Amino acid sequence: MATNILMPALSPTMTEGNLARWLKKEGDQVKAGDIIAEIETDKATMEVEAVDEGILGKILVADGTQGVKVNDPIAVLVEPGESADAAPAPKSAGGGGAAQSASPSEAAALEATKDGKVAGAAEQPVAMPQPQSGGGTAPAPKSNGHDAGGERVFASPLARRMAQQAGLDLNALQGSGPGGRIVKADIEAALSKGPAAKPQAPAPQAAAPAPQPAAAPAPKPAAPVVTAPHTPVPNSSMRKVIARRLSESKQTVPHFYVSMDFEIDALLKLRADLNAKSAKDGPGAFKLSVNDMVIKAVAATLRRYPNVNAIWTDDAILQLHDVDISIAVSTPAGLITPIIRRADQKGLSTISNEMKELAGRAKANKLKPEEFQGGGFSISNMGMYGVKEFSAIINPPQAGILAVAAGEQRPVVKGGQLAVATVMTCTLSVDHRVIDGALAAEFMQALKGVIEDPLSLML
């Protein structure tokens, strides 16, 4: 039976993507697990793999197409001898159609991601057996795509055929595929547990309250009228997401800022000594940056202050068990934040090598979702540009981000005497719902102690 392959949701923020290129052409045989296309999301380019087998009967969205909506059909998968014209026609977003619901599928698609490859959505609503008044089971409808209770059930064509042959009630199964789709493994698991239960008639429901009129959406601000000569640069998907998330952060998160000067001469000396020793060691050599040492210092301090490594929810403040630090990396398409996982448990050389590898793949748009989604705290370092001081915008749902400026020689007073030291100004932006002023000050004071006595990083 011809089925539509849908545009998958590859990240929680994805509503549309660009179809970079097809790796299969019309008429090619497709097996489950085959890589069929490359999709550009708002953060990375990812490979999409098939979850069903068949023939790629028709490509609906050509290479290089931009702004393809999640759950829109992008191709048709057919069986041998079948025409692609037999595929169900896509319906409008408001009418459901062959596409699965976008919201629940996004999280499920992420859970189904393996090694940077995401299962493609080749699916169609599955008709369920209808109970008869005599207790028997009527033949499954062929095209209405609903079960006895009117709910849509999604399954792969292979899973549907296996269920019909075995007399299984798909309504009683929990799908493990992307978006909750029922796949072959779910049917095999159900068969191994014994005979299928008969479908139950839907329970009567109370009359729904009369719908309330929806509030009128707030009018969008008018686009500026620019009469001066200019060149329009279209916004990339990443740039649109950055604009939306940062606007939401400033509008909904109560920011406040704490700045402190750190003397980093001891840290610079330790860095130079470690790099010199590494160069003599030959194979396995590393080259530490100031940023690597700041990451380690922040991770060690967060371990001491778990109430800073936290996330706000309306019901509770969630104190995270792992110290996962997001590092802002500038790419040609925009800003992305690869994550050093469990940074407090890693040595400086490991952090350095991991950061270089992540940053390189970030600039090449090759990060996997799990490498940039999540994290409990962020660091934004613009010291390499000579920036004297700046404040960063919090990356929700995190509660804090540290802005690191350049180290520069400044006059300081030590023991009543004027001296010169290399000073770096750092500014902590925090969510006041999670972190109060005194806690932010204590955290910065503890971080200052670690950075100015960097030998503690070796412990």
Protein backbone atom coordinates (compact mmCIF):
# COMPACT_ATOMS: atom_id res chain seq x y z
CA MET A 1 0.00 0.00 0.00
CA ALA A 2 1.41 3.39 -0.98
CA THR A 3 2.35 5.55 1.99
CA ASN A 4 3.63 9.07 2.40
CA ILE A 5 7.09 9.70 3.84
CA LEU A 6 6.72 12.75 6.06
CA MET A 7 9.08 15.56 7.00
CA PRO A 8 10.29 14.45 10.46
CA ALA A 9 10.68 16.69 13.52
CA LEU A 10 14.34 16.40 14.42
CA SER A 11 14.48 18.80 17.38
CA PRO A 12 12.06 20.28 19.93
CA THR A 13 12.30 23.70 18.25
CA MET A 14 11.88 22.47 14.69
CA THR A 15 8.72 23.49 12.83
CA GLU A 16 10.23 23.39 9.36
CA GLY A 17 13.47 22.36 7.70
CA ASN A 18 15.34 22.34 4.42
CA LEU A 19 15.59 19.19 2.33
CA ALA A 20 19.29 19.37 1.50
CA ARG A 21 19.46 16.36 -0.83
CA TRP A 22 18.04 12.95 -1.56
CA LEU A 23 20.36 9.97 -1.24
CA LYS A 24 17.87 7.70 -3.01
CA LYS A 25 16.21 8.32 -6.38
CA GLU A 26 12.80 7.39 -7.70
CA GLY A 27 12.59 3.66 -8.39
CA ASP A 28 15.25 2.71 -5.84
CA GLN A 29 14.58 -0.14 -3.43
CA VAL A 30 14.42 1.09 0.18
CA LYS A 31 15.02 -1.09 3.22
CA ALA A 32 14.44 -0.22 6.87
CA GLY A 33 17.54 1.57 8.14
CA ASP A 34 18.63 2.88 4.73
CA ILE A 35 19.71 6.53 4.68
CA ILE A 36 17.34 8.22 2.25
CA ALA A 37 17.91 11.97 2.64
CA GLU A 38 19.72 14.79 4.42
CA ILE A 39 17.66 17.39 6.28
CA GLU A 40 18.93 20.79 7.43
CA THR A 41 17.34 21.77 10.75
CA ASP A 42 17.71 25.01 12.67
CA LYS A 43 20.89 23.63 14.26
CA ALA A 44 22.48 20.91 12.13
CA THR A 45 22.35 18.77 8.99
CA MET A 46 21.08 15.29 9.80
CA GLU A 47 20.65 12.03 7.92
CA VAL A 48 17.16 10.52 7.76
CA GLU A 49 16.74 6.76 7.65
CA ALA A 50 13.75 4.75 6.47
CA VAL A 51 11.67 2.75 8.94
CA ASP A 52 9.83 0.69 6.31
CA GLU A 53 10.75 -1.17 3.15
CA GLY A 54 9.45 -0.64 -0.33
CA ILE A 55 10.24 1.34 -3.48
CA LEU A 56 10.73 5.10 -3.55
CA GLY A 57 7.85 5.67 -5.95
CA LYS A 58 7.80 9.44 -6.15
CA ILE A 59 9.79 12.35 -4.72
CA LEU A 60 7.43 15.19 -3.78
CA VAL A 61 10.01 17.68 -2.46
CA ALA A 62 13.10 18.29 -4.56
CA ASP A 63 16.71 18.71 -3.42
CA GLY A 64 17.44 22.13 -1.95
CA THR A 65 13.83 22.95 -1.05
CA GLN A 66 13.67 25.28 1.96
CA GLY A 67 10.99 25.80 4.59
CA VAL A 68 9.36 22.34 4.38
CA LYS A 69 6.86 22.09 7.23
CA VAL A 70 7.16 19.25 9.74
CA ASN A 71 4.78 16.39 8.83
CA ASP A 72 4.38 17.54 5.21
CA PRO A 73 4.75 14.63 2.73
CA ILE A 74 8.15 14.65 1.04
CA ALA A 75 7.99 11.37 -0.91
CA VAL A 76 5.83 8.30 -1.55
CA LEU A 77 6.87 4.75 -0.66
CA VAL A 78 5.17 2.02 -2.71
CA GLU A 79 5.16 -1.76 -3.00
CA PRO A 80 6.35 -3.55 -6.16
CA GLY A 81 3.91 -2.98 -9.02
CA GLU A 82 2.03 -0.26 -7.15
CA SER A 83 1.52 3.28 -8.41
CA ALA A 84 2.61 6.28 -6.35
CA ASP A 85 -0.71 7.91 -7.21
CA ALA A 86 -2.36 5.52 -4.73
CA ALA A 87 -0.85 7.38 -1.78
CA PRO A 88 -3.34 9.24 0.42
CA ALA A 89 -3.65 12.91 -0.45
CA PRO A 90 -2.21 15.20 2.27
CA LYS A 91 -4.75 17.25 4.17
CA SER A 92 -4.42 20.73 5.56
CA ALA A 93 -2.71 21.26 8.89
CA GLY A 94 -6.04 21.73 10.59
CA GLY A 95 -7.51 18.54 9.17
CA GLY A 96 -5.02 15.99 10.37
CA GLY A 97 -4.41 13.92 7.23
CA ALA A 98 -1.63 11.41 6.89
CA ALA A 99 0.79 13.35 9.02
CA GLN A 100 1.15 12.64 12.70
CA SER A 101 0.63 15.34 15.32
CA ALA A 102 3.67 17.59 15.39
CA SER A 103 3.94 18.30 19.10
CA PRO A 104 4.26 14.77 20.52
CA SER A 105 6.35 13.62 17.60
CA GLU A 106 9.13 16.10 18.23
CA ALA A 107 10.22 14.61 21.54
CA ALA A 108 9.74 11.07 20.23
CA ALA A 109 11.82 11.80 17.15
CA LEU A 110 14.66 12.97 19.36
CA GLU A 111 14.47 9.82 21.47
CA ALA A 112 14.65 7.79 18.24
CA THR A 113 17.83 9.57 17.10
CA LYS A 114 20.83 7.26 16.82
CA ASP A 115 24.33 8.31 15.75
CA GLY A 116 23.03 11.46 14.10
CA LYS A 117 20.45 9.53 12.03
CA VAL A 118 16.73 10.00 12.52
CA ALA A 119 14.08 7.57 11.38
CA GLY A 120 12.03 8.95 8.51
CA ALA A 121 8.26 9.05 8.98
CA ALA A 122 6.74 6.67 6.42
CA GLU A 123 3.34 6.23 7.97
CA GLN A 124 -0.40 6.36 7.52
CA PRO A 125 -3.43 6.17 9.84
CA VAL A 126 -4.27 2.53 10.55
CA ALA A 127 -7.85 1.27 10.60
CA MET A 128 -8.83 -0.67 13.72
CA PRO A 129 -11.20 -3.65 14.08
CA GLN A 130 -14.74 -2.64 15.08
CA PRO A 131 -16.58 -4.67 17.74
CA GLN A 132 -19.92 -6.15 16.58
CA SER A 133 -23.05 -6.43 18.62
CA GLY A 134 -22.67 -10.21 18.64
CA GLY A 135 -19.24 -10.05 20.20
CA GLY A 136 -17.33 -10.74 16.97
CA THR A 137 -14.94 -8.52 15.14
CA ALA A 138 -15.82 -6.82 11.89
CA PRO A 139 -13.22 -6.50 9.12
CA ALA A 140 -10.99 -3.47 9.50
CA PRO A 141 -12.03 -0.44 7.43
CA LYS A 142 -9.56 0.23 4.65
CA SER A 143 -9.25 3.96 4.53
CA ASN A 144 -10.84 5.90 7.33
CA GLY A 145 -7.69 5.86 9.51
CA HIS A 146 -9.61 5.78 12.84
CA ASP A 147 -10.16 3.18 15.55
CA ALA A 148 -13.49 2.41 17.17
CA GLY A 149 -13.27 5.45 19.40
CA GLY A 150 -12.44 7.88 16.63
CA GLU A 151 -8.76 8.16 17.65
CA ARG A 152 -6.05 8.07 14.99
CA VAL A 153 -3.62 5.18 15.26
CA PHE A 154 -0.29 5.29 13.41
CA ALA A 155 1.68 2.25 12.31
CA SER A 156 4.07 1.24 9.56
CA PRO A 157 2.55 -0.69 6.63
CA LEU A 158 4.50 -3.82 7.61
CA ALA A 159 3.24 -3.59 11.21
CA ARG A 160 -0.31 -3.09 9.97
CA ARG A 161 -0.17 -6.19 7.76
CA MET A 162 1.33 -8.30 10.56
CA ALA A 163 -1.39 -7.12 12.98
CA GLN A 164 -4.20 -7.91 10.55
CA GLN A 165 -2.80 -11.39 9.84
CA ALA A 166 -2.44 -12.15 13.56
CA GLY A 167 -5.77 -10.58 14.55
CA LEU A 168 -4.06 -8.10 16.88
CA ASP A 169 -5.87 -5.05 18.25
CA LEU A 170 -3.53 -2.17 17.38
CA ASN A 171 -5.48 0.09 19.71
CA ALA A 172 -4.11 -1.92 22.65
CA LEU A 173 -0.47 -1.54 21.60
CA GLN A 174 2.02 1.13 22.58
CA GLY A 175 4.18 2.19 19.63
CA SER A 176 7.93 2.51 20.11
CA GLY A 177 8.68 4.22 16.80
CA PRO A 178 9.06 7.97 16.16
CA GLY A 179 5.96 9.85 17.23
CA GLY A 180 4.55 6.73 18.92
CA ARG A 181 4.25 4.84 15.62
CA ILE A 182 3.64 1.10 15.93
CA VAL A 183 6.46 -0.77 14.16
CA LYS A 184 7.36 -4.40 13.45
CA ALA A 185 9.14 -4.85 16.80
CA ASP A 186 5.95 -3.84 18.66
CA ILE A 187 3.91 -6.49 16.82
CA GLU A 188 6.53 -9.17 17.51
CA ALA A 189 6.60 -8.20 21.19
CA ALA A 190 2.79 -8.42 21.39
CA LEU A 191 2.75 -11.83 19.71
CA SER A 192 5.33 -13.16 22.15
CA LYS A 193 3.01 -12.29 25.06
CA GLY A 194 0.13 -14.42 23.82
CA PRO A 195 -3.22 -13.85 22.07
CA ALA A 196 -4.37 -10.28 21.57
CA ALA A 197 -7.14 -8.83 23.65
CA LYS A 198 -10.35 -7.91 21.88
CA PRO A 199 -10.98 -4.20 21.44
CA GLN A 200 -13.22 -2.59 23.97
CA ALA A 201 -16.06 -0.29 23.08
CA PRO A 202 -15.31 3.31 23.93
CA ALA A 203 -16.64 4.54 27.25
CA PRO A 204 -19.39 7.17 27.02
CA GLN A 205 -18.05 10.67 27.49
CA ALA A 206 -19.65 13.62 29.17
CA ALA A 207 -20.77 16.41 26.94
CA ALA A 208 -17.93 18.82 26.32
CA PRO A 209 -18.40 22.39 27.54
CA ALA A 210 -19.20 24.96 24.91
CA PRO A 211 -15.99 26.27 23.36
CA GLN A 212 -14.93 29.71 24.39
CA PRO A 213 -14.06 32.20 21.69
CA ALA A 214 -10.31 32.36 21.20
CA ALA A 215 -8.56 35.58 22.06
CA ALA A 216 -7.50 37.56 19.04
CA PRO A 217 -3.77 37.17 18.38
CA ALA A 218 -1.61 40.14 19.15
CA PRO A 219 -0.88 42.10 16.00
CA LYS A 220 2.63 41.71 14.63
CA PRO A 221 4.73 44.84 14.58
CA ALA A 222 4.86 46.41 11.16
CA ALA A 223 8.01 45.75 9.20
CA PRO A 224 10.29 48.79 9.06
CA VAL A 225 10.17 50.80 5.88
CA VAL A 226 13.74 51.10 4.61
CA THR A 227 14.27 53.57 1.81
CA ALA A 228 18.08 53.59 1.93
CA PRO A 229 19.96 51.30 -0.49
CA HIS A 230 20.32 47.86 1.08
CA THR A 231 20.88 44.17 0.42
CA PRO A 232 18.36 41.75 2.01
CA VAL A 233 19.97 38.67 3.59
CA PRO A 234 17.29 35.98 4.16
CA ASN A 235 17.08 34.72 7.73
CA SER A 236 18.27 31.13 8.12
CA SER A 237 16.28 28.67 10.20
CA MET A 238 18.94 28.95 12.92
CA ARG A 239 18.76 32.74 12.93
CA LYS A 240 14.97 32.64 13.28
CA VAL A 241 15.21 30.28 16.25
CA ILE A 242 17.91 32.42 17.89
CA ALA A 243 15.75 35.53 17.49
CA ARG A 244 12.67 33.83 18.94
CA ARG A 245 14.41 32.17 21.90
CA LEU A 246 16.41 35.23 22.94
CA SER A 247 13.34 37.45 22.68
CA GLU A 248 11.39 35.01 24.86
CA SER A 249 14.26 34.88 27.34
CA LYS A 250 14.45 38.64 27.81
CA GLN A 251 10.66 38.98 27.96
CA THR A 252 9.89 36.10 30.34
CA VAL A 253 13.03 35.53 32.45
CA PRO A 254 13.83 38.13 35.16
CA HIS A 255 17.54 38.71 34.52
CA PHE A 256 19.99 40.35 36.87
CA TYR A 257 23.76 40.60 36.62
CA VAL A 258 26.79 40.24 38.89
CA SER A 259 30.25 41.28 37.64
CA MET A 260 33.62 40.54 39.23
CA ASP A 261 37.29 40.99 38.28
CA PHE A 262 39.49 37.90 38.35
CA GLU A 263 43.29 38.06 38.39
CA ILE A 264 44.51 35.34 36.03
CA ASP A 265 48.33 35.54 36.16
CA ALA A 266 48.56 32.28 38.11
CA LEU A 267 46.13 30.62 35.70
CA LEU A 268 48.15 31.81 32.68
CA LYS A 269 51.36 30.47 34.22
CA LEU A 270 49.81 27.08 34.94
CA ARG A 271 48.45 26.95 31.40
CA ALA A 272 51.87 27.73 29.93
CA ASP A 273 53.57 25.10 32.13
CA LEU A 274 51.04 22.39 31.21
CA ASN A 275 51.25 23.19 27.49
CA ALA A 276 55.05 23.11 27.60
CA LYS A 277 54.98 19.74 29.35
CA SER A 278 52.46 18.39 26.85
CA ALA A 279 54.60 19.46 23.91
CA LYS A 280 57.50 17.40 25.29
CA ASP A 281 55.33 14.32 25.75
CA GLY A 282 54.88 13.84 21.98
CA PRO A 283 51.86 11.66 21.02
CA GLY A 284 48.68 12.61 22.83
CA ALA A 285 49.82 16.21 23.21
CA PHE A 286 47.21 18.87 23.94
CA LYS A 287 47.13 22.65 23.95
CA LEU A 288 45.02 24.24 26.66
CA SER A 289 43.20 27.53 26.15
CA VAL A 290 42.06 29.95 28.82
CA ASN A 291 38.51 28.93 27.91
CA ASP A 292 39.27 25.27 28.70
CA MET A 293 40.44 26.25 32.16
CA VAL A 294 37.42 28.51 32.73
CA ILE A 295 35.13 25.60 31.81
CA LYS A 296 36.82 23.38 34.38
CA ALA A 297 36.73 26.12 37.03
CA VAL A 298 33.02 26.79 36.45
CA ALA A 299 32.25 23.06 36.55
CA ALA A 300 34.09 22.63 39.85
CA THR A 301 32.23 25.61 41.33
CA LEU A 302 28.84 24.38 40.10
CA ARG A 303 29.47 21.06 41.85
CA ARG A 304 29.82 23.05 45.09
CA TYR A 305 26.69 25.12 44.34
CA PRO A 306 24.01 22.75 43.01
CA ASN A 307 21.37 25.45 43.58
CA VAL A 308 22.96 27.39 40.70
CA ASN A 309 23.01 24.32 38.43
CA ALA A 310 19.22 24.39 38.36
CA ILE A 311 16.11 24.97 36.24
CA TRP A 312 12.90 26.82 37.10
CA THR A 313 9.47 25.20 36.81
CA ASP A 314 6.19 26.43 38.28
CA ASP A 315 6.04 23.47 40.66
CA ALA A 316 9.68 23.11 41.71
CA ILE A 317 13.24 24.22 41.13
CA LEU A 318 15.03 21.29 39.52
CA GLN A 319 18.60 20.89 40.80
CA LEU A 320 20.51 18.94 38.14
CA HIS A 321 22.67 16.00 39.18
CA ASP A 322 25.16 16.29 36.31
CA VAL A 323 27.28 19.35 35.55
CA ASP A 324 26.69 19.77 31.81
CA ILE A 325 28.06 23.06 30.48
CA SER A 326 26.92 24.64 27.21
CA ILE A 327 29.61 26.64 25.40
CA ALA A 328 28.56 29.36 22.94
CA VAL A 329 30.21 28.83 19.56
CA SER A 330 29.82 31.26 16.67
CA THR A 331 29.17 29.66 13.27
CA PRO A 332 28.46 31.20 9.84
CA ALA A 333 24.75 30.39 10.33
CA GLY A 334 24.52 31.75 13.89
CA LEU A 335 25.19 30.82 17.50
CA ILE A 336 25.07 27.23 18.77
CA THR A 337 25.96 25.79 22.18
CA PRO A 338 27.66 22.37 22.16
CA ILE A 339 27.78 20.75 25.59
CA ILE A 340 30.65 19.40 27.67
CA ARG A 341 28.87 16.66 29.63
CA ARG A 342 29.89 16.00 33.26
CA ALA A 343 32.61 18.63 32.95
CA ASP A 344 33.40 18.48 36.66
CA GLN A 345 34.52 14.83 36.25
CA LYS A 346 36.86 15.47 33.30
CA GLY A 347 40.48 16.55 33.25
CA LEU A 348 41.71 19.66 31.48
CA SER A 349 43.17 17.75 28.53
CA THR A 350 39.90 15.87 27.99
CA ILE A 351 37.89 19.09 28.12
CA SER A 352 40.31 20.76 25.71
CA ASN A 353 40.22 17.97 23.13
CA GLU A 354 36.45 17.55 23.40
CA MET A 355 35.85 21.29 23.04
CA LYS A 356 38.00 21.52 19.91
CA GLU A 357 36.21 18.56 18.34
CA LEU A 358 32.73 19.89 19.17
CA ALA A 359 33.54 23.41 17.99
CA GLY A 360 34.89 22.07 14.68
CA ARG A 361 31.76 20.04 13.99
CA ALA A 362 29.56 22.95 15.11
CA LYS A 363 31.13 25.21 12.48
CA ALA A 364 30.60 22.44 9.89
CA ASN A 365 26.94 22.09 10.94
CA LYS A 366 27.50 18.43 11.88
CA LEU A 367 26.53 18.28 15.56
CA LYS A 368 24.13 15.59 16.73
CA PRO A 369 21.04 16.79 18.65
CA GLU A 370 22.25 15.31 21.95
CA GLU A 371 25.46 17.33 21.59
CA PHE A 372 23.76 20.73 21.69
CA GLN A 373 20.37 20.14 23.34
CA GLY A 374 20.21 20.26 27.13
CA GLY A 375 22.91 21.54 29.45
CA GLY A 376 22.45 23.15 32.85
CA PHE A 377 24.66 26.27 32.60
CA SER A 378 26.26 28.26 29.78
CA ILE A 379 29.54 30.08 29.14
CA SER A 380 29.97 32.78 26.50
CA ASN A 381 33.60 33.84 25.98
CA MET A 382 34.45 36.87 23.84
CA GLY A 383 37.87 37.44 25.36
CA MET A 384 39.59 36.47 22.10
CA TYR A 385 38.05 39.57 20.52
CA GLY A 386 39.45 41.91 23.16
CA VAL A 387 36.03 42.66 24.67
CA LYS A 388 36.47 44.40 28.02
CA GLU A 389 33.09 43.48 29.56
CA PHE A 390 29.64 42.30 28.44
CA SER A 391 26.43 40.69 29.70
CA ALA A 392 24.95 37.58 28.08
CA ILE A 393 21.30 36.56 27.69
CA ILE A 394 20.22 33.44 29.58
CA ASN A 395 19.66 30.30 27.49
CA PRO A 396 16.31 28.91 28.79
CA PRO A 397 15.53 26.75 30.63
CA GLN A 398 18.94 27.24 32.23
CA ALA A 399 19.19 29.70 35.12
CA GLY A 400 22.65 31.14 34.49
CA ILE A 401 25.23 32.10 31.90
CA LEU A 402 28.76 33.43 32.49
CA ALA A 403 30.09 36.12 30.15
CA VAL A 404 33.90 35.98 29.96
CA ALA A 405 35.80 39.04 28.69
CA ALA A 406 39.45 39.55 27.74
CA GLY A 407 42.32 39.35 30.18
CA GLU A 408 44.30 42.59 30.17
CA GLN A 409 46.96 44.16 32.30
CA ARG A 410 45.50 46.67 34.75
CA PRO A 411 46.79 48.57 37.77
CA VAL A 412 45.77 46.91 41.04
CA VAL A 413 46.46 47.64 44.69
CA LYS A 414 48.14 44.86 46.68
CA GLY A 415 49.11 45.39 50.31
CA GLY A 416 48.71 49.12 49.94
CA GLN A 417 51.08 49.20 46.96
CA LEU A 418 50.25 49.85 43.32
CA ALA A 419 51.01 46.84 41.08
CA VAL A 420 50.14 45.44 37.65
CA ALA A 421 48.09 42.26 37.17
CA THR A 422 46.32 40.50 34.32
CA VAL A 423 42.64 41.00 35.07
CA MET A 424 39.62 39.38 33.41
CA THR A 425 36.09 40.70 34.04
CA CYS A 426 33.35 38.08 34.18
CA THR A 427 29.62 38.80 34.41
CA LEU A 428 27.08 36.28 35.64
CA SER A 429 23.54 36.61 34.26
CA VAL A 430 21.00 34.73 36.37
CA ASP A 431 17.30 33.95 36.53
CA HIS A 432 16.10 35.67 39.69
CA ARG A 433 13.34 33.09 40.12
CA VAL A 434 16.04 30.48 40.80
CA ILE A 435 19.04 32.43 42.07
CA ASP A 436 18.92 35.32 44.53
CA GLY A 437 21.51 38.08 44.73
CA ALA A 438 23.43 36.67 47.70
CA LEU A 439 23.70 33.23 46.07
CA ALA A 440 24.95 34.76 42.82
CA ALA A 441 27.57 36.75 44.73
CA GLU A 442 28.70 33.66 46.69
CA PHE A 443 29.02 31.68 43.46
CA MET A 444 31.15 34.38 41.82
CA GLN A 445 33.30 34.70 44.91
CA ALA A 446 33.91 30.93 44.93
CA LEU A 447 34.67 30.97 41.20
CA LYS A 448 37.16 33.81 41.74
CA GLY A 449 38.93 31.70 44.35
CA VAL A 450 39.26 28.74 41.94
CA ILE A 451 40.49 30.84 39.01
CA GLU A 452 43.00 32.80 41.09
CA ASP A 453 44.30 29.57 42.71
CA PRO A 454 44.15 27.25 39.67
CA LEU A 455 46.19 24.45 41.27
CA SER A 456 42.92 23.38 42.86
CA LEU A 457 41.82 22.30 39.36
CA MET A 458 44.44 19.58 39.51
CA LEU A 459 42.90 17.97 42.59
